[in-house]
Amino acid sequence: MTSLTVDQNGLVPPGLCPNCHLHTGFSVRDSGLSTYIWPHPQTEHPSVEHQLKYGMRTWLRQIPAICGHCRKTVVLHQLIRFHEDGKTGDVLRVIQVWPERQPRELHTSVPNAVRDLFAEGARAEAAEAYRAAGAMYRAAVEVLCKDLGAEGSNLASKINDLVNWGVTHEIVEDLHEARFLGNWSLHDGLEFSAEEVADVAGLIAEAVHILYVQPEERRAMRDARKARRDAFAAGNP
């Protein structure tokens, strides 16, 4: 799932392209492609007179960002509330219109219980329900600890116990970040930003890739080499 954004100048910082799935830069051509589409369509910046005419300080701008790798566009909508000077404003929201944001998924080698909770968190994240996403990502980490055999009286101690099961300190720190996100979202009502939630989801995905996906890939390669050796031996008695 991508979380592309648009800055105050209408430029799109580097990110993951939802077309080619590569991390790359984006360009926005100044040729009328970027246009305000609500409350009135126009290519130029809405003047103070226009803002007053339509009785709106909040305007919606459509921005087709061009991927630096595949050259396909990502259509973004940027909701801006202009200040009284009519020139500056605050970005209230950025919506990826097309391709649609797709919820994250974990590899099939990850236990189903972990995958299901993570997928529910991803759906909440895609719907911009970030506190709910934080809660589900935390729950996924708790089930992950159980699957790995970690012991402890609470989630913090279970995560710390993972080092006794061969998990690196770096992964342990990353899983604590997911715990913090869930705890502060649930118990304190703190609203984290889209980027902060996305970062934690990425940390979990990286952790399970190391813990589950890589060992499965290595087993598959060992099996493939053995099958090749066995087939060769059978054909060359």
C-alpha atoms as a PDB file:
ATOM      1  CA  MET A   1       0.000   0.000   0.000  1.00  0.00           C
ATOM      2  CA  THR A   2       1.394   3.339  -0.926  1.00  0.00           C
ATOM      3  CA  SER A   3       1.073   6.537   1.071  1.00  0.00           C
ATOM      4  CA  LEU A   4       2.150   9.179  -1.410  1.00  0.00           C
ATOM      5  CA  THR A   5       1.720  12.773  -0.397  1.00  0.00           C
ATOM      6  CA  VAL A   6       1.858  16.243  -1.925  1.00  0.00           C
ATOM      7  CA  ASP A   7       3.756  19.158  -0.403  1.00  0.00           C
ATOM      8  CA  GLN A   8       2.715  22.780  -0.104  1.00  0.00           C
ATOM      9  CA  ASN A   9       4.101  23.531  -3.570  1.00  0.00           C
ATOM     10  CA  GLY A  10       2.093  20.800  -5.265  1.00  0.00           C
ATOM     11  CA  LEU A  11       5.152  18.540  -5.648  1.00  0.00           C
ATOM     12  CA  VAL A  12       5.157  14.817  -4.857  1.00  0.00           C
ATOM     13  CA  PRO A  13       8.126  13.584  -2.777  1.00  0.00           C
ATOM     14  CA  PRO A  14       9.751  10.235  -3.672  1.00  0.00           C
ATOM     15  CA  GLY A  15       7.769   7.167  -2.682  1.00  0.00           C
ATOM     16  CA  LEU A  16       6.535   3.752  -3.742  1.00  0.00           C
ATOM     17  CA  CYS A  17       4.860   3.839  -7.145  1.00  0.00           C
ATOM     18  CA  PRO A  18       1.590   1.841  -7.111  1.00  0.00           C
ATOM     19  CA  ASN A  19       2.071   1.053 -10.810  1.00  0.00           C
ATOM     20  CA  CYS A  20       5.576  -0.445 -10.951  1.00  0.00           C
ATOM     21  CA  HIS A  21       5.984  -0.979  -7.170  1.00  0.00           C
ATOM     22  CA  LEU A  22       9.417   0.637  -7.119  1.00  0.00           C
ATOM     23  CA  HIS A  23      10.590   3.437  -4.839  1.00  0.00           C
ATOM     24  CA  THR A  24      11.197   6.339  -7.157  1.00  0.00           C
ATOM     25  CA  GLY A  25      10.785  10.047  -7.724  1.00  0.00           C
ATOM     26  CA  PHE A  26       7.749  11.741  -9.228  1.00  0.00           C
ATOM     27  CA  SER A  27       7.340  14.772 -11.462  1.00  0.00           C
ATOM     28  CA  VAL A  28       4.380  17.094 -11.872  1.00  0.00           C
ATOM     29  CA  ARG A  29       4.316  19.009 -15.151  1.00  0.00           C
ATOM     30  CA  ASP A  30       3.254  22.641 -15.137  1.00  0.00           C
ATOM     31  CA  SER A  31       1.093  22.296 -18.222  1.00  0.00           C
ATOM     32  CA  GLY A  32      -2.425  22.481 -16.887  1.00  0.00           C
ATOM     33  CA  LEU A  33      -2.393  18.848 -15.768  1.00  0.00           C
ATOM     34  CA  SER A  34      -2.693  19.915 -12.153  1.00  0.00           C
ATOM     35  CA  THR A  35      -6.034  21.619 -11.723  1.00  0.00           C
ATOM     36  CA  TYR A  36      -8.442  22.666  -9.052  1.00  0.00           C
ATOM     37  CA  ILE A  37     -11.618  20.631  -9.470  1.00  0.00           C
ATOM     38  CA  TRP A  38     -13.793  21.767  -6.540  1.00  0.00           C
ATOM     39  CA  PRO A  39     -15.720  23.914  -5.785  1.00  0.00           C
ATOM     40  CA  HIS A  40     -14.970  25.189  -9.307  1.00  0.00           C
ATOM     41  CA  PRO A  41     -12.712  23.750 -12.041  1.00  0.00           C
ATOM     42  CA  GLN A  42      -9.758  25.938 -12.965  1.00  0.00           C
ATOM     43  CA  THR A  43      -6.099  25.420 -13.738  1.00  0.00           C
ATOM     44  CA  GLU A  44      -4.768  28.529 -12.016  1.00  0.00           C
ATOM     45  CA  HIS A  45      -4.440  29.178  -8.303  1.00  0.00           C
ATOM     46  CA  PRO A  46      -7.803  30.411  -6.978  1.00  0.00           C
ATOM     47  CA  SER A  47      -7.527  34.108  -6.201  1.00  0.00           C
ATOM     48  CA  VAL A  48      -9.015  35.705  -3.104  1.00  0.00           C
ATOM     49  CA  GLU A  49     -11.847  36.930  -5.326  1.00  0.00           C
ATOM     50  CA  HIS A  50     -12.546  33.406  -6.520  1.00  0.00           C
ATOM     51  CA  GLN A  51     -12.418  32.067  -2.988  1.00  0.00           C
ATOM     52  CA  LEU A  52     -14.922  34.680  -1.867  1.00  0.00           C
ATOM     53  CA  LYS A  53     -17.070  34.213  -4.977  1.00  0.00           C
ATOM     54  CA  TYR A  54     -17.624  30.542  -4.243  1.00  0.00           C
ATOM     55  CA  GLY A  55     -17.684  31.088  -0.490  1.00  0.00           C
ATOM     56  CA  MET A  56     -14.944  28.519   0.041  1.00  0.00           C
ATOM     57  CA  ARG A  57     -11.528  28.699   1.636  1.00  0.00           C
ATOM     58  CA  THR A  58     -11.153  24.933   1.093  1.00  0.00           C
ATOM     59  CA  TRP A  59     -10.352  23.790  -2.441  1.00  0.00           C
ATOM     60  CA  LEU A  60      -9.614  20.410  -3.983  1.00  0.00           C
ATOM     61  CA  ARG A  61      -6.740  20.075  -6.425  1.00  0.00           C
ATOM     62  CA  GLN A  62      -6.125  17.105  -8.709  1.00  0.00           C
ATOM     63  CA  ILE A  63      -2.487  16.226  -9.359  1.00  0.00           C
ATOM     64  CA  PRO A  64      -1.316  13.560 -11.846  1.00  0.00           C
ATOM     65  CA  ALA A  65       2.160  12.606 -10.597  1.00  0.00           C
ATOM     66  CA  ILE A  66       4.393  10.933 -13.185  1.00  0.00           C
ATOM     67  CA  CYS A  67       6.573   8.045 -11.995  1.00  0.00           C
ATOM     68  CA  GLY A  68      10.237   8.542 -12.786  1.00  0.00           C
ATOM     69  CA  HIS A  69      10.646   4.838 -13.616  1.00  0.00           C
ATOM     70  CA  CYS A  70       7.572   3.516 -15.437  1.00  0.00           C
ATOM     71  CA  ARG A  71       6.309   6.955 -16.554  1.00  0.00           C
ATOM     72  CA  LYS A  72       2.754   6.055 -15.581  1.00  0.00           C
ATOM     73  CA  THR A  73       0.722   8.514 -13.563  1.00  0.00           C
ATOM     74  CA  VAL A  74      -0.664   8.356 -10.056  1.00  0.00           C
ATOM     75  CA  VAL A  75      -3.723  10.557  -9.625  1.00  0.00           C
ATOM     76  CA  LEU A  76      -3.764  12.370  -6.289  1.00  0.00           C
ATOM     77  CA  HIS A  77      -6.285  14.741  -4.760  1.00  0.00           C
ATOM     78  CA  GLN A  78      -5.030  17.423  -2.395  1.00  0.00           C
ATOM     79  CA  LEU A  79      -7.469  19.208  -0.081  1.00  0.00           C
ATOM     80  CA  ILE A  80      -6.200  22.692   0.798  1.00  0.00           C
ATOM     81  CA  ARG A  81      -7.609  25.278   3.199  1.00  0.00           C
ATOM     82  CA  PHE A  82      -6.337  28.705   2.188  1.00  0.00           C
ATOM     83  CA  HIS A  83      -5.477  31.400   4.689  1.00  0.00           C
ATOM     84  CA  GLU A  84      -6.993  34.874   4.577  1.00  0.00           C
ATOM     85  CA  ASP A  85      -4.217  36.126   2.310  1.00  0.00           C
ATOM     86  CA  GLY A  86      -5.544  33.699  -0.316  1.00  0.00           C
ATOM     87  CA  LYS A  87      -2.025  32.621  -1.270  1.00  0.00           C
ATOM     88  CA  THR A  88      -0.851  30.322   1.473  1.00  0.00           C
ATOM     89  CA  GLY A  89      -2.745  27.461   3.018  1.00  0.00           C
ATOM     90  CA  ASP A  90      -2.672  24.183   4.912  1.00  0.00           C
ATOM     91  CA  VAL A  91      -2.874  20.762   3.307  1.00  0.00           C
ATOM     92  CA  LEU A  92      -5.748  19.012   5.064  1.00  0.00           C
ATOM     93  CA  ARG A  93      -5.646  15.720   3.258  1.00  0.00           C
ATOM     94  CA  VAL A  94      -4.059  13.868   0.342  1.00  0.00           C
ATOM     95  CA  ILE A  95      -6.062  11.089  -1.298  1.00  0.00           C
ATOM     96  CA  GLN A  96      -4.630   8.592  -3.780  1.00  0.00           C
ATOM     97  CA  VAL A  97      -7.434   8.279  -6.308  1.00  0.00           C
ATOM     98  CA  TRP A  98      -5.893   5.961  -8.896  1.00  0.00           C
ATOM     99  CA  PRO A  99      -4.499   3.353  -8.797  1.00  0.00           C
ATOM    100  CA  GLU A 100      -6.510   2.729  -5.659  1.00  0.00           C
ATOM    101  CA  ARG A 101      -4.545   2.113  -2.508  1.00  0.00           C
ATOM    102  CA  GLN A 102      -4.340  -1.601  -1.831  1.00  0.00           C
ATOM    103  CA  PRO A 103      -4.178  -2.924   1.726  1.00  0.00           C
ATOM    104  CA  ARG A 104      -0.892  -4.515   2.708  1.00  0.00           C
ATOM    105  CA  GLU A 105      -0.605  -8.285   2.807  1.00  0.00           C
ATOM    106  CA  LEU A 106       1.939 -10.574   4.418  1.00  0.00           C
ATOM    107  CA  HIS A 107       3.493 -13.536   2.653  1.00  0.00           C
ATOM    108  CA  THR A 108       1.615 -16.840   2.774  1.00  0.00           C
ATOM    109  CA  SER A 109       4.451 -18.405   4.766  1.00  0.00           C
ATOM    110  CA  VAL A 110       3.449 -16.216   7.733  1.00  0.00           C
ATOM    111  CA  PRO A 111       0.997 -17.943  10.137  1.00  0.00           C
ATOM    112  CA  ASN A 112      -2.628 -17.266   9.227  1.00  0.00           C
ATOM    113  CA  ALA A 113      -3.465 -15.785  12.633  1.00  0.00           C
ATOM    114  CA  VAL A 114      -0.739 -13.155  12.200  1.00  0.00           C
ATOM    115  CA  ARG A 115      -1.688 -12.509   8.568  1.00  0.00           C
ATOM    116  CA  ASP A 116      -5.376 -12.055   9.399  1.00  0.00           C
ATOM    117  CA  LEU A 117      -4.759  -9.479  12.147  1.00  0.00           C
ATOM    118  CA  PHE A 118      -2.210  -7.644  10.014  1.00  0.00           C
ATOM    119  CA  ALA A 119      -4.650  -7.619   7.069  1.00  0.00           C
ATOM    120  CA  GLU A 120      -7.366  -6.139   9.283  1.00  0.00           C
ATOM    121  CA  GLY A 121      -4.947  -3.447  10.382  1.00  0.00           C
ATOM    122  CA  ALA A 122      -4.050  -2.789   6.751  1.00  0.00           C
ATOM    123  CA  ARG A 123      -7.713  -2.349   5.837  1.00  0.00           C
ATOM    124  CA  ALA A 124      -8.102   0.119   8.700  1.00  0.00           C
ATOM    125  CA  GLU A 125      -4.983   1.955   7.525  1.00  0.00           C
ATOM    126  CA  ALA A 126      -6.328   2.127   3.968  1.00  0.00           C
ATOM    127  CA  ALA A 127      -9.551   3.610   5.359  1.00  0.00           C
ATOM    128  CA  GLU A 128      -7.442   6.157   7.294  1.00  0.00           C
ATOM    129  CA  ALA A 129      -8.640   4.730  10.637  1.00  0.00           C
ATOM    130  CA  TYR A 130      -5.152   4.980  12.051  1.00  0.00           C
ATOM    131  CA  ARG A 131      -5.900   4.269  15.713  1.00  0.00           C
ATOM    132  CA  ALA A 132      -7.728   1.092  14.715  1.00  0.00           C
ATOM    133  CA  ALA A 133      -4.795   0.182  12.480  1.00  0.00           C
ATOM    134  CA  GLY A 134      -2.384   0.678  15.365  1.00  0.00           C
ATOM    135  CA  ALA A 135      -4.470  -1.600  17.577  1.00  0.00           C
ATOM    136  CA  MET A 136      -4.570  -4.393  14.989  1.00  0.00           C
ATOM    137  CA  TYR A 137      -0.873  -4.150  14.168  1.00  0.00           C
ATOM    138  CA  ARG A 138      -0.145  -4.485  17.889  1.00  0.00           C
ATOM    139  CA  ALA A 139      -2.428  -7.523  18.052  1.00  0.00           C
ATOM    140  CA  ALA A 140      -0.564  -9.079  15.117  1.00  0.00           C
ATOM    141  CA  VAL A 141       2.729  -8.690  16.989  1.00  0.00           C
ATOM    142  CA  GLU A 142       1.236 -10.327  20.077  1.00  0.00           C
ATOM    143  CA  VAL A 143       0.160 -13.384  18.065  1.00  0.00           C
ATOM    144  CA  LEU A 144       3.553 -13.434  16.346  1.00  0.00           C
ATOM    145  CA  CYS A 145       5.262 -13.619  19.757  1.00  0.00           C
ATOM    146  CA  LYS A 146       3.004 -16.508  20.741  1.00  0.00           C
ATOM    147  CA  ASP A 147       3.770 -18.365  17.524  1.00  0.00           C
ATOM    148  CA  LEU A 148       7.515 -17.988  18.109  1.00  0.00           C
ATOM    149  CA  GLY A 149       7.183 -19.329  21.649  1.00  0.00           C
ATOM    150  CA  ALA A 150       7.971 -16.117  23.520  1.00  0.00           C
ATOM    151  CA  GLU A 151       7.027 -16.016  27.191  1.00  0.00           C
ATOM    152  CA  GLY A 152       6.248 -13.174  29.567  1.00  0.00           C
ATOM    153  CA  SER A 153       3.576 -11.537  31.683  1.00  0.00           C
ATOM    154  CA  ASN A 154       2.848  -8.822  29.130  1.00  0.00           C
ATOM    155  CA  LEU A 155       3.593  -8.002  25.518  1.00  0.00           C
ATOM    156  CA  ALA A 156       6.720  -5.996  26.369  1.00  0.00           C
ATOM    157  CA  SER A 157       8.320  -8.929  28.170  1.00  0.00           C
ATOM    158  CA  LYS A 158       7.247 -11.340  25.417  1.00  0.00           C
ATOM    159  CA  ILE A 159       8.911  -9.187  22.782  1.00  0.00           C
ATOM    160  CA  ASN A 160      12.074  -8.989  24.895  1.00  0.00           C
ATOM    161  CA  ASP A 161      12.032 -12.776  25.298  1.00  0.00           C
ATOM    162  CA  LEU A 162      12.297 -13.208  21.538  1.00  0.00           C
ATOM    163  CA  VAL A 163      16.077 -12.738  21.769  1.00  0.00           C
ATOM    164  CA  ASN A 164      16.146 -16.107  23.544  1.00  0.00           C
ATOM    165  CA  TRP A 165      14.613 -17.628  20.438  1.00  0.00           C
ATOM    166  CA  GLY A 166      17.204 -16.282  18.021  1.00  0.00           C
ATOM    167  CA  VAL A 167      15.495 -13.015  17.089  1.00  0.00           C
ATOM    168  CA  THR A 168      17.870 -10.083  16.631  1.00  0.00           C
ATOM    169  CA  HIS A 169      17.805  -7.031  18.890  1.00  0.00           C
ATOM    170  CA  GLU A 170      16.971  -4.845  15.885  1.00  0.00           C
ATOM    171  CA  ILE A 171      13.802  -6.823  15.144  1.00  0.00           C
ATOM    172  CA  VAL A 172      12.894  -6.731  18.845  1.00  0.00           C
ATOM    173  CA  GLU A 173      13.162  -2.921  18.788  1.00  0.00           C
ATOM    174  CA  ASP A 174      10.994  -2.767  15.664  1.00  0.00           C
ATOM    175  CA  LEU A 175       8.293  -4.930  17.299  1.00  0.00           C
ATOM    176  CA  HIS A 176       8.345  -2.657  20.333  1.00  0.00           C
ATOM    177  CA  GLU A 177       7.516   0.227  17.972  1.00  0.00           C
ATOM    178  CA  ALA A 178       4.350  -1.650  16.974  1.00  0.00           C
ATOM    179  CA  ARG A 179       3.545  -2.157  20.656  1.00  0.00           C
ATOM    180  CA  PHE A 180       4.005   1.549  21.367  1.00  0.00           C
ATOM    181  CA  LEU A 181       1.797   2.469  18.396  1.00  0.00           C
ATOM    182  CA  GLY A 182      -1.015   0.223  19.608  1.00  0.00           C
ATOM    183  CA  ASN A 183      -0.742   1.211  23.256  1.00  0.00           C
ATOM    184  CA  TRP A 184      -0.754   4.944  22.627  1.00  0.00           C
ATOM    185  CA  SER A 185      -3.530   4.623  20.061  1.00  0.00           C
ATOM    186  CA  LEU A 186      -5.735   2.491  22.314  1.00  0.00           C
ATOM    187  CA  HIS A 187      -5.069   3.714  25.827  1.00  0.00           C
ATOM    188  CA  ASP A 188      -4.187   7.348  25.262  1.00  0.00           C
ATOM    189  CA  GLY A 189      -6.190   8.136  22.145  1.00  0.00           C
ATOM    190  CA  LEU A 190      -3.124   9.533  20.390  1.00  0.00           C
ATOM    191  CA  GLU A 191      -3.632   9.958  16.652  1.00  0.00           C
ATOM    192  CA  PHE A 192      -0.476   9.079  14.742  1.00  0.00           C
ATOM    193  CA  SER A 193       0.098  10.356  11.226  1.00  0.00           C
ATOM    194  CA  ALA A 194      -0.353   8.231   8.119  1.00  0.00           C
ATOM    195  CA  GLU A 195       3.426   8.150   7.664  1.00  0.00           C
ATOM    196  CA  GLU A 196       4.021   6.974  11.244  1.00  0.00           C
ATOM    197  CA  VAL A 197       1.477   4.165  10.941  1.00  0.00           C
ATOM    198  CA  ALA A 198       2.859   3.158   7.547  1.00  0.00           C
ATOM    199  CA  ASP A 199       6.370   3.038   8.985  1.00  0.00           C
ATOM    200  CA  VAL A 200       5.319   0.638  11.756  1.00  0.00           C
ATOM    201  CA  ALA A 201       3.470  -1.565   9.254  1.00  0.00           C
ATOM    202  CA  GLY A 202       6.651  -1.664   7.208  1.00  0.00           C
ATOM    203  CA  LEU A 203       8.686  -2.643  10.263  1.00  0.00           C
ATOM    204  CA  ILE A 204       6.352  -5.568  10.950  1.00  0.00           C
ATOM    205  CA  ALA A 205       6.486  -6.654   7.307  1.00  0.00           C
ATOM    206  CA  GLU A 206      10.294  -6.552   7.355  1.00  0.00           C
ATOM    207  CA  ALA A 207      10.409  -8.522  10.613  1.00  0.00           C
ATOM    208  CA  VAL A 208       8.162 -11.330   9.373  1.00  0.00           C
ATOM    209  CA  HIS A 209      10.080 -11.421   6.095  1.00  0.00           C
ATOM    210  CA  ILE A 210      13.237 -12.221   8.050  1.00  0.00           C
ATOM    211  CA  LEU A 211      11.539 -14.560  10.518  1.00  0.00           C
ATOM    212  CA  TYR A 212       9.273 -16.508   8.156  1.00  0.00           C
ATOM    213  CA  VAL A 213       9.718 -15.694   4.484  1.00  0.00           C
ATOM    214  CA  GLN A 214      13.502 -15.996   4.154  1.00  0.00           C
ATOM    215  CA  PRO A 215      13.673 -19.397   5.912  1.00  0.00           C
ATOM    216  CA  GLU A 216      10.861 -20.654   3.654  1.00  0.00           C
ATOM    217  CA  GLU A 217      12.656 -19.372   0.558  1.00  0.00           C
ATOM    218  CA  ARG A 218      15.872 -21.059   1.654  1.00  0.00           C
ATOM    219  CA  ARG A 219      14.065 -24.344   2.285  1.00  0.00           C
ATOM    220  CA  ALA A 220      12.530 -24.138  -1.171  1.00  0.00           C
ATOM    221  CA  MET A 221      15.962 -23.574  -2.736  1.00  0.00           C
ATOM    222  CA  ARG A 222      17.453 -26.498  -0.795  1.00  0.00           C
ATOM    223  CA  ASP A 223      14.589 -28.720  -1.945  1.00  0.00           C
ATOM    224  CA  ALA A 224      15.055 -27.565  -5.544  1.00  0.00           C
ATOM    225  CA  ARG A 225      18.799 -28.335  -5.451  1.00  0.00           C
ATOM    226  CA  LYS A 226      18.155 -31.750  -3.911  1.00  0.00           C
ATOM    227  CA  ALA A 227      15.546 -32.545  -6.569  1.00  0.00           C
ATOM    228  CA  ARG A 228      18.029 -31.533  -9.275  1.00  0.00           C
ATOM    229  CA  ARG A 229      20.758 -33.726  -7.748  1.00  0.00           C
ATOM    230  CA  ASP A 230      18.377 -36.664  -7.364  1.00  0.00           C
ATOM    231  CA  ALA A 231      17.176 -36.338 -10.968  1.00  0.00           C
ATOM    232  CA  PHE A 232      20.755 -36.146 -12.207  1.00  0.00           C
ATOM    233  CA  ALA A 233      21.784 -39.170 -10.152  1.00  0.00           C
ATOM    234  CA  ALA A 234      18.819 -41.180 -11.403  1.00  0.00           C
ATOM    235  CA  GLY A 235      19.753 -40.439 -14.986  1.00  0.00           C
ATOM    236  CA  ASN A 236      23.441 -41.180 -14.466  1.00  0.00           C
ATOM    237  CA  PRO A 237      23.631 -44.403 -12.426  1.00  0.00           C
END
